[in-house]
């Protein structure tokens, strides 16, 4: 067999990179990633998709081993990964990834896989943080290979581990404490289980998107790790080489040295982008800028006659050419104009998003493609011009303002208090923020178990 090195190199690095060797800023942002991700998932336990998933586990029948976020009953490790991963992206409130490579909502899969397995293996807080940081890294490294191929060949690459299964398998394997040989098998099995399609513009309820980008990858990653632990075998060094993962999807047997450049120094999780509000990634900057103009000039929705927005063409195609879920289309901007704030409750309660005023405002919003904006960073770039009924115009060009830890505290408090009340939210926040010194995640997981609640009842 040829001596291919991509798979071996990442396995050797993962195996040697313990929690203490992670840079302090990587530890911090990973802890904030769990903080934001868990809080968002708990809030999403009120949404219709959560209640459909609970019906699924009642039908499937299994043992009560692991926490289902936001519900009192427990389920199997595989179903917990599936449900919690889906809840991690059940709404557009969860963090997004840098725009330099492929791979979307990677955190939803890695957090769910790590926590589900960590609960049955007795993992400590540092072990969970390590597994999420390194699982995230491997997922983004794999996706970066597809990005590089697309640039070199100048054509789009089709679906490619859309569920981030390989990164989830690494996270699960580390939470299980697997060694390098079993990690190799887990990655191989995850490669066999990877896939997914992306017809998200054809759905109005965000259920298939959250299932694909969150639940499927988490469940399949956990499956791969558990099978590896059981002694199951699979071809080693599966990512490269003839008939390997990259060859099967991209037509290459060697991803090149650049795929491993700065491994262990440049951590992908540093590029994580936390969302301020309930809307798709490409809508974050326009939404933020609209509200800034309104606040700075004491405008309310009744004052506005027209809103012109400059956006990257591909984002216009994503959000304004089909009727998607209110959080994932132009309606999110109309909801922001009318109600302000984070928009979580307003996006999911019919009395808010079906208000006729939302449609009226939506008809005042017009998007204009900026043909010179083609790079990923321009997804966070916008121009907004608001014209009032009195004929005044207010213009602003801006980039999305990244969130601080204080901003994340406010977001967590709002979302989680909405679900479990202020005192429970504060207690949970303290547990998550002390994961780096926690010997067990059991206390935190038990604080995620609550009586069922519907979004329309808050």
Protein backbone atom coordinates (compact mmCIF):
# COMPACT_ATOMS: atom_id res chain seq x y z
CA UNK A 1 0.00 0.00 0.00
CA UNK A 2 1.25 3.52 -0.76
CA UNK A 3 2.15 5.58 2.27
CA UNK A 4 -0.47 8.34 2.14
CA UNK A 5 -0.04 10.84 4.97
CA UNK A 6 -3.07 13.13 5.28
CA UNK A 7 -5.15 10.83 7.50
CA UNK A 8 -2.16 9.67 9.52
CA UNK A 9 -0.96 13.21 10.11
CA UNK A 10 -4.26 14.48 11.48
CA UNK A 11 -4.64 11.36 13.66
CA UNK A 12 -1.14 11.77 15.08
CA UNK A 13 -1.81 15.43 15.78
CA UNK A 14 -5.20 14.81 17.41
CA UNK A 15 -3.74 12.02 19.53
CA UNK A 16 -0.89 14.22 20.77
CA UNK A 17 -2.88 17.43 21.29
CA UNK A 18 -4.21 17.29 24.85
CA UNK A 19 -6.35 19.97 26.48
CA UNK A 20 -3.47 21.70 28.21
CA UNK A 21 -1.58 22.15 24.95
CA UNK A 22 -4.45 24.06 23.32
CA UNK A 23 -3.79 27.83 23.11
CA UNK A 24 -5.67 29.79 25.76
CA UNK A 25 -7.75 31.70 23.21
CA UNK A 26 -8.80 28.43 21.59
CA UNK A 27 -9.94 27.08 24.97
CA UNK A 28 -11.87 30.29 25.58
CA UNK A 29 -13.63 30.46 22.22
CA UNK A 30 -14.50 26.74 22.40
CA UNK A 31 -16.07 27.29 25.80
CA UNK A 32 -18.03 30.24 24.40
CA UNK A 33 -19.03 28.06 21.44
CA UNK A 34 -20.60 25.51 23.79
CA UNK A 35 -22.16 28.35 25.79
CA UNK A 36 -23.82 29.82 22.72
CA UNK A 37 -24.62 26.47 21.12
CA UNK A 38 -26.22 24.91 24.20
CA UNK A 39 -28.22 28.05 24.93
CA UNK A 40 -29.50 28.21 21.37
CA UNK A 41 -30.43 24.51 21.38
CA UNK A 42 -32.29 24.85 24.66
CA UNK A 43 -34.34 27.75 23.27
CA UNK A 44 -35.03 25.69 20.13
CA UNK A 45 -36.50 22.88 22.24
CA UNK A 46 -39.72 24.93 22.15
CA UNK A 47 -40.00 24.80 18.35
CA UNK A 48 -42.21 22.38 16.36
CA UNK A 49 -39.22 20.42 15.09
CA UNK A 50 -38.34 19.47 18.69
CA UNK A 51 -41.77 18.02 19.37
CA UNK A 52 -41.71 16.03 16.12
CA UNK A 53 -38.36 14.56 17.16
CA UNK A 54 -39.74 13.49 20.52
CA UNK A 55 -42.50 11.61 18.70
CA UNK A 56 -39.78 9.90 16.69
CA UNK A 57 -37.94 8.56 19.75
CA UNK A 58 -41.22 7.37 21.24
CA UNK A 59 -41.78 5.36 18.08
CA UNK A 60 -38.22 4.06 17.89
CA UNK A 61 -38.04 2.85 21.49
CA UNK A 62 -34.73 2.65 23.32
CA UNK A 63 -32.94 2.86 26.68
CA UNK A 64 -32.78 6.10 28.73
CA UNK A 65 -29.08 6.89 28.83
CA UNK A 66 -28.65 10.45 27.59
CA UNK A 67 -30.17 13.90 27.95
CA UNK A 68 -32.48 15.35 25.31
CA UNK A 69 -31.97 19.11 25.57
CA UNK A 70 -35.13 20.78 26.82
CA UNK A 71 -37.10 17.62 27.65
CA UNK A 72 -37.46 15.53 30.83
CA UNK A 73 -37.13 12.07 29.30
CA UNK A 74 -33.79 10.55 28.29
CA UNK A 75 -33.00 8.45 25.25
CA UNK A 76 -30.18 6.42 23.69
CA UNK A 77 -26.81 7.92 22.87
CA UNK A 78 -27.57 7.72 19.13
CA UNK A 79 -30.96 9.38 19.39
CA UNK A 80 -29.60 12.02 21.76
CA UNK A 81 -26.95 12.91 19.18
CA UNK A 82 -29.60 13.06 16.45
CA UNK A 83 -32.05 15.23 18.39
CA UNK A 84 -29.58 17.55 20.08
CA UNK A 85 -27.68 18.02 16.83
CA UNK A 86 -30.90 18.94 15.06
CA UNK A 87 -31.84 21.36 17.86
CA UNK A 88 -28.38 22.90 17.52
CA UNK A 89 -29.45 24.25 14.13
CA UNK A 90 -33.24 24.16 14.52
CA UNK A 91 -33.24 27.92 14.07
CA UNK A 92 -30.85 30.44 12.49
CA UNK A 93 -29.62 31.63 15.89
CA UNK A 94 -26.58 29.33 16.12
CA UNK A 95 -23.03 30.36 15.22
CA UNK A 96 -21.74 30.16 11.66
CA UNK A 97 -18.30 29.43 10.26
CA UNK A 98 -15.75 31.50 8.40
CA UNK A 99 -16.51 31.97 4.71
CA UNK A 100 -13.08 30.98 3.40
CA UNK A 101 -13.93 27.27 3.28
CA UNK A 102 -16.98 25.09 2.95
CA UNK A 103 -18.68 23.53 5.96
CA UNK A 104 -21.69 25.16 7.58
CA UNK A 105 -22.94 25.00 11.17
CA UNK A 106 -20.16 22.58 12.14
CA UNK A 107 -20.70 23.28 15.84
CA UNK A 108 -24.20 21.76 15.84
CA UNK A 109 -22.81 18.33 14.97
CA UNK A 110 -19.61 18.41 17.00
CA UNK A 111 -21.23 19.66 20.22
CA UNK A 112 -24.08 17.15 20.04
CA UNK A 113 -21.77 14.22 19.28
CA UNK A 114 -19.32 15.17 22.02
CA UNK A 115 -21.96 15.67 24.71
CA UNK A 116 -23.94 12.51 23.93
CA UNK A 117 -20.87 10.27 24.04
CA UNK A 118 -19.35 12.21 26.93
CA UNK A 119 -22.42 11.51 29.02
CA UNK A 120 -22.09 7.73 28.70
CA UNK A 121 -18.30 7.71 28.98
CA UNK A 122 -18.01 9.99 32.01
CA UNK A 123 -16.01 12.63 30.15
CA UNK A 124 -14.74 15.70 32.01
CA UNK A 125 -15.32 19.29 30.96
CA UNK A 126 -11.80 19.70 29.52
CA UNK A 127 -12.24 16.46 27.54
CA UNK A 128 -15.45 17.85 26.02
CA UNK A 129 -13.82 21.16 25.15
CA UNK A 130 -10.86 19.37 23.55
CA UNK A 131 -13.12 17.08 21.53
CA UNK A 132 -15.19 19.99 20.18
CA UNK A 133 -12.14 22.10 19.27
CA UNK A 134 -10.35 19.24 17.50
CA UNK A 135 -13.48 17.79 15.88
CA UNK A 136 -14.25 21.24 14.54
CA UNK A 137 -10.69 21.56 13.24
CA UNK A 138 -10.75 18.28 11.34
CA UNK A 139 -14.16 19.04 9.84
CA UNK A 140 -12.96 22.40 8.51
CA UNK A 141 -9.67 20.91 7.23
CA UNK A 142 -11.58 18.29 5.26
CA UNK A 143 -13.94 20.94 3.86
CA UNK A 144 -10.98 23.15 2.93
CA UNK A 145 -9.78 20.44 0.53
CA UNK A 146 -13.07 20.72 -1.41
CA UNK A 147 -12.73 24.51 -1.46
CA UNK A 148 -9.22 24.25 -2.89
CA UNK A 149 -10.35 21.83 -5.61
CA UNK A 150 -13.25 24.11 -6.55
CA UNK A 151 -10.89 27.08 -6.93
CA UNK A 152 -8.37 25.14 -9.00
CA UNK A 153 -10.96 23.63 -11.34
CA UNK A 154 -13.22 26.73 -11.41
CA UNK A 155 -16.41 24.73 -10.94
CA UNK A 156 -18.73 24.13 -8.05
CA UNK A 157 -18.34 20.99 -5.98
CA UNK A 158 -21.60 19.22 -5.23
CA UNK A 159 -22.69 17.98 -1.80
CA UNK A 160 -19.62 17.04 0.21
CA UNK A 161 -20.03 15.80 3.80
CA UNK A 162 -22.85 18.32 4.18
CA UNK A 163 -23.56 16.91 7.65
CA UNK A 164 -19.96 17.35 8.88
CA UNK A 165 -19.90 13.69 9.83
CA UNK A 166 -16.12 13.28 9.91
CA UNK A 167 -15.61 16.08 12.42
CA UNK A 168 -18.44 14.71 14.55
CA UNK A 169 -16.78 11.28 14.54
CA UNK A 170 -13.51 12.80 15.75
CA UNK A 171 -15.34 14.66 18.54
CA UNK A 172 -17.20 11.51 19.58
CA UNK A 173 -14.04 9.38 19.44
CA UNK A 174 -12.16 11.80 21.69
CA UNK A 175 -15.04 11.92 24.18
CA UNK A 176 -14.88 8.11 24.23
CA UNK A 177 -11.13 8.17 24.79
CA UNK A 178 -10.29 6.18 21.64
CA UNK A 179 -6.65 5.71 20.68
CA UNK A 180 -5.13 6.43 17.29
CA UNK A 181 -5.92 3.03 15.70
CA UNK A 182 -9.59 3.19 16.66
CA UNK A 183 -9.76 6.87 15.64
CA UNK A 184 -8.52 5.82 12.19
CA UNK A 185 -11.40 3.33 11.95
CA UNK A 186 -13.92 5.90 13.24
CA UNK A 187 -12.86 8.39 10.56
CA UNK A 188 -13.11 5.69 7.91
CA UNK A 189 -16.61 4.66 8.98
CA UNK A 190 -17.66 8.30 9.16
CA UNK A 191 -16.43 8.80 5.59
CA UNK A 192 -18.65 5.89 4.54
CA UNK A 193 -21.61 7.51 6.35
CA UNK A 194 -21.07 11.03 5.05
CA UNK A 195 -23.27 12.65 2.45
CA UNK A 196 -26.32 14.88 2.40
CA UNK A 197 -28.15 17.05 -0.12
CA UNK A 198 -28.99 20.74 0.10
CA UNK A 199 -32.46 21.51 -1.32
CA UNK A 200 -33.05 24.03 1.47
CA UNK A 201 -34.71 26.64 -0.73
CA UNK A 202 -37.52 24.13 -1.28
CA UNK A 203 -38.65 23.94 2.34
CA UNK A 204 -40.54 26.41 4.50
CA UNK A 205 -40.06 24.89 7.96
CA UNK A 206 -36.26 24.57 8.30
CA UNK A 207 -36.65 20.93 9.39
CA UNK A 208 -34.64 19.18 6.66
CA UNK A 209 -31.91 21.81 6.96
CA UNK A 210 -31.55 21.36 10.72
CA UNK A 211 -31.70 17.58 10.30
CA UNK A 212 -28.98 17.58 7.62
CA UNK A 213 -26.69 20.25 9.06
CA UNK A 214 -27.08 19.13 12.67
CA UNK A 215 -28.68 15.81 13.55
CA UNK A 216 -27.56 13.40 10.84
CA UNK A 217 -23.86 14.19 11.14
CA UNK A 218 -23.93 13.97 14.94
CA UNK A 219 -25.72 10.62 14.95
CA UNK A 220 -23.53 9.14 12.21
CA UNK A 221 -20.37 10.45 13.86
CA UNK A 222 -21.35 8.80 17.14
CA UNK A 223 -22.22 5.60 15.28
CA UNK A 224 -18.77 5.55 13.68
CA UNK A 225 -17.00 6.12 17.01
CA UNK A 226 -19.02 3.47 18.86
CA UNK A 227 -18.46 0.92 16.10
CA UNK A 228 -14.73 1.62 16.20
CA UNK A 229 -14.73 1.15 19.97
CA UNK A 230 -16.55 -2.19 19.56
CA UNK A 231 -13.71 -3.51 17.40
CA UNK A 232 -15.34 -3.01 14.03
CA UNK A 233 -12.86 -2.60 11.20
CA UNK A 234 -12.67 -0.43 8.08
CA UNK A 235 -9.98 0.59 5.55
CA UNK A 236 -7.35 2.79 7.18
CA UNK A 237 -6.14 6.16 5.86
CA UNK A 238 -9.47 6.53 4.08
CA UNK A 239 -9.39 10.24 3.28
CA UNK A 240 -6.68 10.02 0.61
CA UNK A 241 -5.53 7.41 -1.89
CA UNK A 242 -7.39 5.53 -4.67
CA UNK A 243 -11.10 5.06 -3.94
CA UNK A 244 -10.69 7.06 -0.76
CA UNK A 245 -12.94 9.87 0.42
CA UNK A 246 -11.33 12.68 -1.56
CA UNK A 247 -11.01 10.52 -4.66
CA UNK A 248 -14.67 9.48 -4.49
CA UNK A 249 -16.04 13.02 -4.10
CA UNK A 250 -13.37 15.26 -5.62
CA UNK A 251 -11.40 13.05 -8.00
CA UNK A 252 -8.08 13.57 -6.19
CA UNK A 253 -5.98 11.05 -4.30
CA UNK A 254 -3.65 13.53 -2.60
CA UNK A 255 -4.95 16.80 -1.12
CA UNK A 256 -1.47 18.32 -1.08
CA UNK A 257 0.69 19.79 1.64
CA UNK A 258 -1.39 22.95 1.91
CA UNK A 259 -4.24 20.94 3.45
CA UNK A 260 -2.08 20.38 6.54
CA UNK A 261 -0.41 23.77 6.64
CA UNK A 262 -0.15 25.27 10.16
CA UNK A 263 -1.92 22.30 11.73
CA UNK A 264 -1.79 22.83 15.48
CA UNK A 265 -1.07 26.54 15.09
CA UNK A 266 -3.97 28.03 13.13
CA UNK A 267 -7.17 26.75 14.74
CA UNK A 268 -10.28 27.02 12.59
CA UNK A 269 -12.55 27.65 15.55
CA UNK A 270 -10.94 31.08 15.86
CA UNK A 271 -12.95 32.03 12.75
CA UNK A 272 -16.28 31.24 14.40
CA UNK A 273 -18.95 33.94 13.90
CA UNK A 274 -21.58 34.22 16.61
CA UNK A 275 -24.97 35.51 15.49
CA UNK A 276 -26.61 38.46 17.18
CA UNK A 277 -30.07 37.67 15.94
CA UNK A 278 -32.44 35.14 14.50
CA UNK A 279 -31.63 35.18 10.77
CA UNK A 280 -29.38 33.54 8.18
CA UNK A 281 -25.69 34.39 7.98
CA UNK A 282 -26.01 36.61 4.93
CA UNK A 283 -28.80 38.60 6.61
CA UNK A 284 -26.84 39.43 9.76
CA UNK A 285 -25.16 42.59 8.45
CA UNK A 286 -28.27 44.06 6.74
CA UNK A 287 -30.42 43.37 9.80
CA UNK A 288 -27.90 44.91 12.17
CA UNK A 289 -27.40 47.97 9.95
CA UNK A 290 -31.13 48.59 9.49
CA UNK A 291 -31.64 48.60 13.25
CA UNK A 292 -28.62 50.87 13.77
CA UNK A 293 -30.02 53.45 11.33
CA UNK A 294 -33.44 53.28 12.97
CA UNK A 295 -31.96 53.70 16.47
CA UNK A 296 -29.54 56.48 15.52
CA UNK A 297 -32.31 58.48 13.83
CA UNK A 298 -35.24 57.62 16.14
CA UNK A 299 -37.18 55.91 13.35
CA UNK A 300 -39.94 53.39 13.77
CA UNK A 301 -41.55 51.14 11.18
CA UNK A 302 -44.33 53.63 10.40
CA UNK A 303 -41.77 56.27 9.35
CA UNK A 304 -40.27 54.16 6.56
CA UNK A 305 -41.33 54.19 2.90
CA UNK A 306 -38.40 52.31 1.33
CA UNK A 307 -35.31 50.27 2.25
CA UNK A 308 -32.57 49.62 -0.32
CA UNK A 309 -29.98 46.98 0.57
CA UNK A 310 -26.72 46.20 -1.21
CA UNK A 311 -25.70 42.55 -0.87
CA UNK A 312 -23.46 39.91 -2.37
CA UNK A 313 -25.32 38.37 -5.38
CA UNK A 314 -25.10 34.81 -4.07
CA UNK A 315 -26.77 35.88 -0.82
CA UNK A 316 -29.63 37.49 -2.71
CA UNK A 317 -30.06 34.19 -4.53
CA UNK A 318 -30.12 32.35 -1.22
CA UNK A 319 -32.53 34.53 0.73
CA UNK A 320 -34.70 36.42 -1.73
CA UNK A 321 -35.57 34.02 -4.57
CA UNK A 322 -37.80 31.59 -2.67
CA UNK A 323 -40.17 31.52 0.29
CA UNK A 324 -38.19 29.91 3.08
CA UNK A 325 -38.59 29.89 6.84
CA UNK A 326 -39.00 33.46 8.23
CA UNK A 327 -35.52 33.28 9.81
CA UNK A 328 -33.95 32.25 6.52
CA UNK A 329 -35.41 34.72 4.02
CA UNK A 330 -36.13 38.41 3.56
CA UNK A 331 -38.97 38.24 6.07
CA UNK A 332 -36.33 38.28 8.82
CA UNK A 333 -35.51 41.87 7.88
CA UNK A 334 -39.16 42.92 7.92
CA UNK A 335 -39.59 41.29 11.34
CA UNK A 336 -36.55 43.24 12.56
CA UNK A 337 -37.97 46.55 11.29
CA UNK A 338 -41.31 45.95 12.98
CA UNK A 339 -40.24 44.40 16.29
CA UNK A 340 -36.49 45.00 16.72
CA UNK A 341 -34.55 42.91 19.22
CA UNK A 342 -33.14 39.43 18.66
CA UNK A 343 -36.28 38.21 16.90
CA UNK A 344 -36.46 34.65 18.24
CA UNK A 345 -40.00 34.70 19.59
CA UNK A 346 -41.20 36.99 16.83
CA UNK A 347 -39.85 34.65 14.13
CA UNK A 348 -41.60 31.57 15.52
CA UNK A 349 -44.93 32.77 16.91
CA UNK A 350 -47.56 33.13 14.21
CA UNK A 351 -49.14 36.16 15.89
CA UNK A 352 -45.90 38.00 15.14
CA UNK A 353 -44.64 36.72 11.80
CA UNK A 354 -48.12 36.50 10.23
CA UNK A 355 -48.94 40.06 11.22
CA UNK A 356 -50.02 41.82 7.97
CA UNK A 357 -47.57 44.61 8.77
CA UNK A 358 -44.69 42.18 8.20
CA UNK A 359 -45.77 41.69 4.60
CA UNK A 360 -46.27 45.44 4.14
CA UNK A 361 -42.73 46.15 5.33
CA UNK A 362 -41.35 43.25 3.31
CA UNK A 363 -42.72 44.92 0.16
CA UNK A 364 -40.73 48.06 1.02
CA UNK A 365 -37.42 46.16 1.14
CA UNK A 366 -35.45 45.94 -2.11
CA UNK A 367 -32.11 44.21 -2.59
CA UNK A 368 -29.46 45.21 -5.08
CA UNK A 369 -26.64 42.90 -6.14
CA UNK A 370 -23.13 44.20 -5.63
CA UNK A 371 -21.34 42.49 -8.47
CA UNK A 372 -17.96 43.53 -7.04
CA UNK A 373 -18.69 41.63 -3.84
CA UNK A 374 -17.82 38.03 -4.54
CA UNK A 375 -15.49 36.94 -1.74
CA UNK A 376 -16.67 35.19 1.39
CA UNK A 377 -15.95 38.18 3.61
CA UNK A 378 -18.52 40.21 1.70
CA UNK A 379 -21.23 38.03 3.17
CA UNK A 380 -20.84 40.21 6.26
CA UNK A 381 -20.81 43.44 4.22
CA UNK A 382 -23.81 45.57 3.34
CA UNK A 383 -25.10 48.99 2.33
CA UNK A 384 -28.47 50.18 3.57
CA UNK A 385 -30.45 53.24 2.51
CA UNK A 386 -33.66 54.00 4.38
CA UNK A 387 -36.06 56.56 2.91
CA UNK A 388 -38.73 58.00 5.19
CA UNK A 389 -42.25 58.99 4.23
CA UNK A 390 -41.11 62.57 4.66
CA UNK A 391 -38.45 62.14 1.99
CA UNK A 392 -35.37 61.96 4.22
CA UNK A 393 -32.68 59.43 3.35
CA UNK A 394 -30.25 57.72 5.69
CA UNK A 395 -27.34 55.71 4.25
CA UNK A 396 -24.87 53.42 5.97
CA UNK A 397 -22.24 50.98 4.74
CA UNK A 398 -20.93 48.52 7.30
CA UNK A 399 -19.61 45.09 8.13
CA UNK A 400 -21.23 42.84 10.69
CA UNK A 401 -20.01 43.68 14.19
CA UNK A 402 -18.59 40.60 15.90
CA UNK A 403 -20.02 39.67 19.30
CA UNK A 404 -18.13 40.15 22.55
CA UNK A 405 -18.43 37.83 25.55
CA UNK A 406 -20.73 40.42 27.13
CA UNK A 407 -22.94 40.28 24.03
CA UNK A 408 -23.03 36.49 24.29
CA UNK A 409 -24.04 36.77 27.95
CA UNK A 410 -27.01 38.94 26.98
CA UNK A 411 -27.99 36.58 24.17
CA UNK A 412 -27.74 33.49 26.41
CA UNK A 413 -29.72 35.17 29.19
CA UNK A 414 -32.53 36.17 26.84
CA UNK A 415 -32.85 32.84 25.03
CA UNK A 416 -32.45 30.54 28.01
CA UNK A 417 -34.56 32.68 30.39
CA UNK A 418 -37.32 32.52 27.80
CA UNK A 419 -37.20 28.73 28.14
CA UNK A 420 -36.35 28.04 31.81
CA UNK A 421 -36.44 31.34 33.71
CA UNK A 422 -33.70 33.71 34.85
CA UNK A 423 -32.39 31.80 37.87
CA UNK A 424 -32.06 28.52 35.95
CA UNK A 425 -30.43 30.39 33.07
CA UNK A 426 -27.82 31.89 35.37
CA UNK A 427 -27.09 28.55 37.02
CA UNK A 428 -26.64 26.87 33.64
CA UNK A 429 -24.41 29.71 32.43
CA UNK A 430 -22.12 29.22 35.42
CA UNK A 431 -21.87 25.47 34.80
CA UNK A 432 -20.95 25.91 31.12
CA UNK A 433 -18.45 28.68 31.84
CA UNK A 434 -16.68 26.40 34.32
CA UNK A 435 -16.39 23.42 32.00
CA UNK A 436 -12.65 23.98 31.75
CA UNK A 437 -12.24 22.91 35.39
CA UNK A 438 -15.18 20.50 35.65
CA UNK A 439 -14.46 16.83 36.39
CA UNK A 440 -17.84 15.76 34.99
CA UNK A 441 -20.52 17.11 32.66
CA UNK A 442 -23.34 15.36 34.53
CA UNK A 443 -24.49 18.43 36.50
CA UNK A 444 -24.62 20.52 33.36
CA UNK A 445 -26.51 17.86 31.41
CA UNK A 446 -29.11 17.42 34.16
CA UNK A 447 -29.74 21.19 34.07
CA UNK A 448 -30.73 20.82 30.41
CA UNK A 449 -33.65 18.51 31.26
CA UNK A 450 -36.94 20.39 31.57
CA UNK A 451 -40.65 19.86 31.13
CA UNK A 452 -41.83 20.15 27.54
CA UNK A 453 -42.75 23.67 26.43
CA UNK A 454 -44.18 25.06 23.18
CA UNK A 455 -42.93 28.33 21.72
CA UNK A 456 -46.50 29.65 21.58
CA UNK A 457 -46.83 29.30 25.35
CA UNK A 458 -44.12 31.82 26.28
